[in-house]
Amino acid sequence: MIIISDIVIVDYGSGNLRSIHNAFKRIGEDVVVSSDVNVLSDADAMVIPGVGAFGVAMGNLSVFHDVVVEHVLSDKPFLGICLGLQLLFESSEETPGVDGFGFFEGNVKRFDLGDGFKIPHMGWNQIRVNDTALNNVSILDGADNEYMYFVHSYYVDPACRDYVTAFCDYGGDVPVAVGRDNLFALQFHPEKSGRVGLGILENFVELID
């Protein structure tokens, strides 16, 4: 039996699906984790979380490539988390020669930091919402100057910073959230960021018609 839900989390072999699924359940949302393209096609909102390598993830997502693109182009809410943010860019230094979705111009770079900065960037860090971003930053309402939980060795370097909706300080300003129209993505893990993180997920849900 196919279960239809407003929110579908794309199951593409990442090991980090249960925590985001449980987070949506905690805020009272009926969500489905699915690798069925029919279920994904019918989703009112789509979420791609993830941990792991850029190239492997894009390979695993190849079977879903068209349905993801169609979802985004249909102006339906989309949320990328952690690796799910990085996959929205054109390429990554982690896996040269592998194309990302390219929804945002720019690529993903490995941290190259001096003494005193550990890689991966792991643990709690304060974010700063970019009120001058071109995109509506309402998904981040209540999150300005709050601490979010991070685990990443690579960061996004957008060609146009007008779409960066939040930064954190880790050896300089690091873009940690981007947005454009119906497309939202976070480098940090809202599902691991306590009350404020759950509030971001609630803000995302409010975007669904």
Protein backbone atom coordinates (compact mmCIF):
# COMPACT_ATOMS: atom_id res chain seq x y z
CA MET A 1 0.00 0.00 0.00
CA ILE A 2 1.33 3.47 -0.90
CA ILE A 3 1.00 5.99 1.91
CA ILE A 4 0.61 9.59 0.77
CA SER A 5 1.83 12.33 3.06
CA ASP A 6 2.14 16.08 2.72
CA ILE A 7 5.85 15.81 3.61
CA VAL A 8 8.10 13.14 2.11
CA ILE A 9 11.70 12.53 3.15
CA VAL A 10 13.70 11.10 0.25
CA ASP A 11 15.20 7.74 1.15
CA TYR A 12 18.35 7.56 -0.99
CA GLY A 13 20.48 5.40 1.28
CA SER A 14 21.65 8.06 3.73
CA GLY A 15 22.00 6.94 7.32
CA ASN A 16 20.51 10.09 8.80
CA LEU A 17 16.83 9.80 8.00
CA ARG A 18 15.34 8.59 11.27
CA SER A 19 16.28 11.66 13.32
CA ILE A 20 14.66 14.15 10.94
CA HIS A 21 11.63 11.88 10.61
CA ASN A 22 11.28 11.79 14.40
CA ALA A 23 11.71 15.56 14.62
CA PHE A 24 8.76 16.15 12.30
CA LYS A 25 6.73 13.66 14.31
CA ARG A 26 7.58 15.58 17.49
CA ILE A 27 5.97 18.71 16.06
CA GLY A 28 2.89 16.73 15.13
CA GLU A 29 3.49 16.28 11.41
CA ASP A 30 2.65 13.13 9.46
CA VAL A 31 5.74 12.38 7.39
CA VAL A 32 6.78 9.52 5.15
CA VAL A 33 10.27 8.25 4.36
CA SER A 34 10.14 6.85 0.83
CA SER A 35 12.15 5.74 -2.17
CA ASP A 36 9.00 5.32 -4.29
CA VAL A 37 9.06 7.85 -7.14
CA ASN A 38 5.26 7.88 -7.20
CA VAL A 39 5.13 8.92 -3.55
CA LEU A 40 7.82 11.54 -4.14
CA SER A 41 5.96 12.91 -7.15
CA ASP A 42 2.80 13.40 -5.08
CA ALA A 43 4.55 15.11 -2.17
CA ASP A 44 3.43 18.60 -1.20
CA ALA A 45 6.83 19.15 0.43
CA MET A 46 10.12 17.32 0.00
CA VAL A 47 13.07 16.95 2.38
CA ILE A 48 16.57 15.71 1.52
CA PRO A 49 18.72 15.30 4.63
CA GLY A 50 21.95 13.37 4.68
CA VAL A 51 25.41 12.54 5.87
CA GLY A 52 28.25 11.09 3.82
CA ALA A 53 30.11 11.86 0.62
CA PHE A 54 28.86 14.22 -2.09
CA GLY A 55 29.62 11.88 -4.99
CA VAL A 56 28.04 8.82 -3.41
CA ALA A 57 24.93 10.79 -2.52
CA MET A 58 24.52 12.17 -6.04
CA GLY A 59 24.95 8.66 -7.42
CA ASN A 60 22.28 7.31 -5.11
CA LEU A 61 19.97 10.20 -5.99
CA SER A 62 20.35 9.72 -9.74
CA VAL A 63 17.18 7.63 -9.91
CA PHE A 64 15.30 10.49 -8.21
CA HIS A 65 16.95 13.33 -10.12
CA ASP A 66 14.02 14.16 -12.39
CA VAL A 67 11.38 13.99 -9.68
CA VAL A 68 13.44 16.26 -7.41
CA VAL A 69 13.90 18.81 -10.20
CA GLU A 70 10.22 18.65 -11.10
CA HIS A 71 9.26 19.20 -7.46
CA VAL A 72 11.44 22.30 -7.18
CA LEU A 73 10.29 23.72 -10.52
CA SER A 74 6.67 23.17 -9.47
CA ASP A 75 7.18 25.75 -6.70
CA LYS A 76 6.54 23.23 -3.93
CA PRO A 77 8.46 23.64 -0.65
CA PHE A 78 11.81 21.86 -0.54
CA LEU A 79 14.20 21.55 2.39
CA GLY A 80 17.81 20.33 2.23
CA ILE A 81 19.70 19.56 5.44
CA CYS A 82 23.49 19.23 5.92
CA LEU A 83 24.69 17.23 2.89
CA GLY A 84 21.24 17.95 1.47
CA LEU A 85 22.28 21.62 1.32
CA GLN A 86 25.58 20.90 -0.42
CA LEU A 87 23.94 18.76 -3.09
CA LEU A 88 21.97 21.78 -4.32
CA PHE A 89 25.17 23.40 -5.63
CA GLU A 90 27.08 22.76 -8.84
CA SER A 91 30.02 20.74 -7.55
CA SER A 92 32.12 19.83 -4.53
CA GLU A 93 35.83 19.60 -3.82
CA GLU A 94 35.01 16.37 -2.03
CA THR A 95 34.26 14.60 -5.31
CA PRO A 96 35.68 16.49 -8.31
CA GLY A 97 33.94 15.79 -11.59
CA VAL A 98 30.56 14.95 -10.04
CA ASP A 99 27.75 17.41 -10.77
CA GLY A 100 25.35 18.51 -8.06
CA PHE A 101 21.78 19.57 -8.76
CA GLY A 102 22.95 23.08 -9.59
CA PHE A 103 19.92 24.89 -8.16
CA PHE A 104 22.41 27.39 -6.76
CA GLU A 105 25.52 28.59 -8.57
CA GLY A 106 28.73 27.94 -6.67
CA ASN A 107 30.49 24.96 -5.21
CA VAL A 108 31.32 23.21 -1.98
CA LYS A 109 34.76 23.66 -0.45
CA ARG A 110 36.70 21.92 2.29
CA PHE A 111 37.52 24.02 5.33
CA ASP A 112 41.10 25.29 5.21
CA LEU A 113 41.57 26.87 8.61
CA GLY A 114 44.43 27.85 10.87
CA ASP A 115 45.34 26.59 14.31
CA GLY A 116 42.52 26.52 16.80
CA PHE A 117 39.85 25.35 14.35
CA LYS A 118 39.03 21.67 14.23
CA ILE A 119 37.76 19.85 11.17
CA PRO A 120 35.03 18.75 11.06
CA HIS A 121 33.24 21.79 12.38
CA MET A 122 31.28 19.88 15.00
CA GLY A 123 29.08 20.95 17.87
CA TRP A 124 27.11 24.06 18.71
CA ASN A 125 27.66 27.38 16.99
CA GLN A 126 25.71 30.60 16.85
CA ILE A 127 24.05 31.60 13.60
CA ARG A 128 23.28 35.09 12.33
CA VAL A 129 20.24 35.51 10.11
CA ASN A 130 20.94 37.64 7.04
CA ASP A 131 18.11 40.16 6.97
CA THR A 132 19.38 41.60 3.68
CA ALA A 133 18.99 38.28 1.82
CA LEU A 134 16.91 38.44 -1.35
CA ASN A 135 14.88 35.45 -0.24
CA ASN A 136 12.22 35.48 2.46
CA VAL A 137 13.96 34.30 5.64
CA SER A 138 10.75 33.46 7.52
CA ILE A 139 11.83 29.83 7.86
CA LEU A 140 14.48 31.17 10.26
CA ASP A 141 12.07 33.24 12.36
CA GLY A 142 13.13 32.89 15.97
CA ALA A 143 16.60 31.55 15.11
CA ASP A 144 18.68 34.74 14.89
CA ASN A 145 21.68 34.58 17.25
CA GLU A 146 20.64 31.11 18.43
CA TYR A 147 22.97 28.12 18.67
CA MET A 148 22.58 25.24 16.20
CA TYR A 149 24.25 21.86 15.98
CA PHE A 150 26.78 21.29 13.16
CA VAL A 151 28.77 18.35 11.81
CA HIS A 152 30.57 19.11 8.53
CA SER A 153 34.01 19.30 6.94
CA TYR A 154 32.82 21.12 3.80
CA TYR A 155 30.93 24.36 3.38
CA VAL A 156 29.04 25.99 0.52
CA ASP A 157 30.53 28.93 -1.37
CA PRO A 158 27.64 30.50 -3.34
CA ALA A 159 28.44 32.59 -6.40
CA CYS A 160 25.73 35.02 -5.23
CA ARG A 161 25.64 35.67 -1.51
CA ASP A 162 22.30 37.43 -1.81
CA TYR A 163 20.73 33.98 -1.40
CA VAL A 164 22.58 33.24 1.85
CA THR A 165 19.99 33.47 4.62
CA ALA A 166 22.30 32.80 7.58
CA PHE A 167 25.98 32.75 8.49
CA CYS A 168 28.04 31.46 11.38
CA ASP A 169 31.54 32.43 12.49
CA TYR A 170 34.08 29.65 12.08
CA GLY A 171 37.33 31.20 10.99
CA GLY A 172 35.27 33.83 9.17
CA ASP A 173 31.72 34.17 7.91
CA VAL A 174 30.53 30.73 6.77
CA PRO A 175 27.23 30.48 4.85
CA VAL A 176 25.04 28.02 6.75
CA ALA A 177 21.60 28.55 5.18
CA VAL A 178 20.43 29.46 1.71
CA GLY A 179 17.07 30.12 0.15
CA ARG A 180 15.33 31.10 -3.03
CA ASP A 181 11.59 31.08 -3.61
CA ASN A 182 10.38 27.62 -2.51
CA LEU A 183 13.90 26.25 -2.01
CA PHE A 184 15.41 26.22 1.50
CA ALA A 185 18.53 24.53 2.83
CA LEU A 186 20.45 24.39 6.10
CA GLN A 187 24.00 23.27 6.87
CA PHE A 188 23.16 22.70 10.53
CA HIS A 189 20.85 20.02 11.88
CA PRO A 190 17.53 21.50 13.06
CA GLU A 191 16.47 18.07 14.31
CA LYS A 192 19.42 18.10 16.73
CA SER A 193 19.15 21.77 17.69
CA GLY A 194 16.55 21.64 20.41
CA ARG A 195 13.50 23.86 20.63
CA VAL A 196 14.77 26.44 18.14
CA GLY A 197 15.57 23.77 15.57
CA LEU A 198 12.08 22.31 15.87
CA GLY A 199 10.74 25.84 15.43
CA ILE A 200 12.52 26.05 12.07
CA LEU A 201 10.81 22.83 10.98
CA GLU A 202 7.47 24.29 12.10
CA ASN A 203 8.17 27.39 10.00
CA PHE A 204 8.85 25.15 7.00
CA VAL A 205 5.58 23.30 7.52
CA GLU A 206 3.69 26.60 7.48
CA LEU A 207 4.85 27.10 3.87
CA ILE A 208 2.93 24.07 2.67
CA ASP A 209 -0.38 24.86 0.95
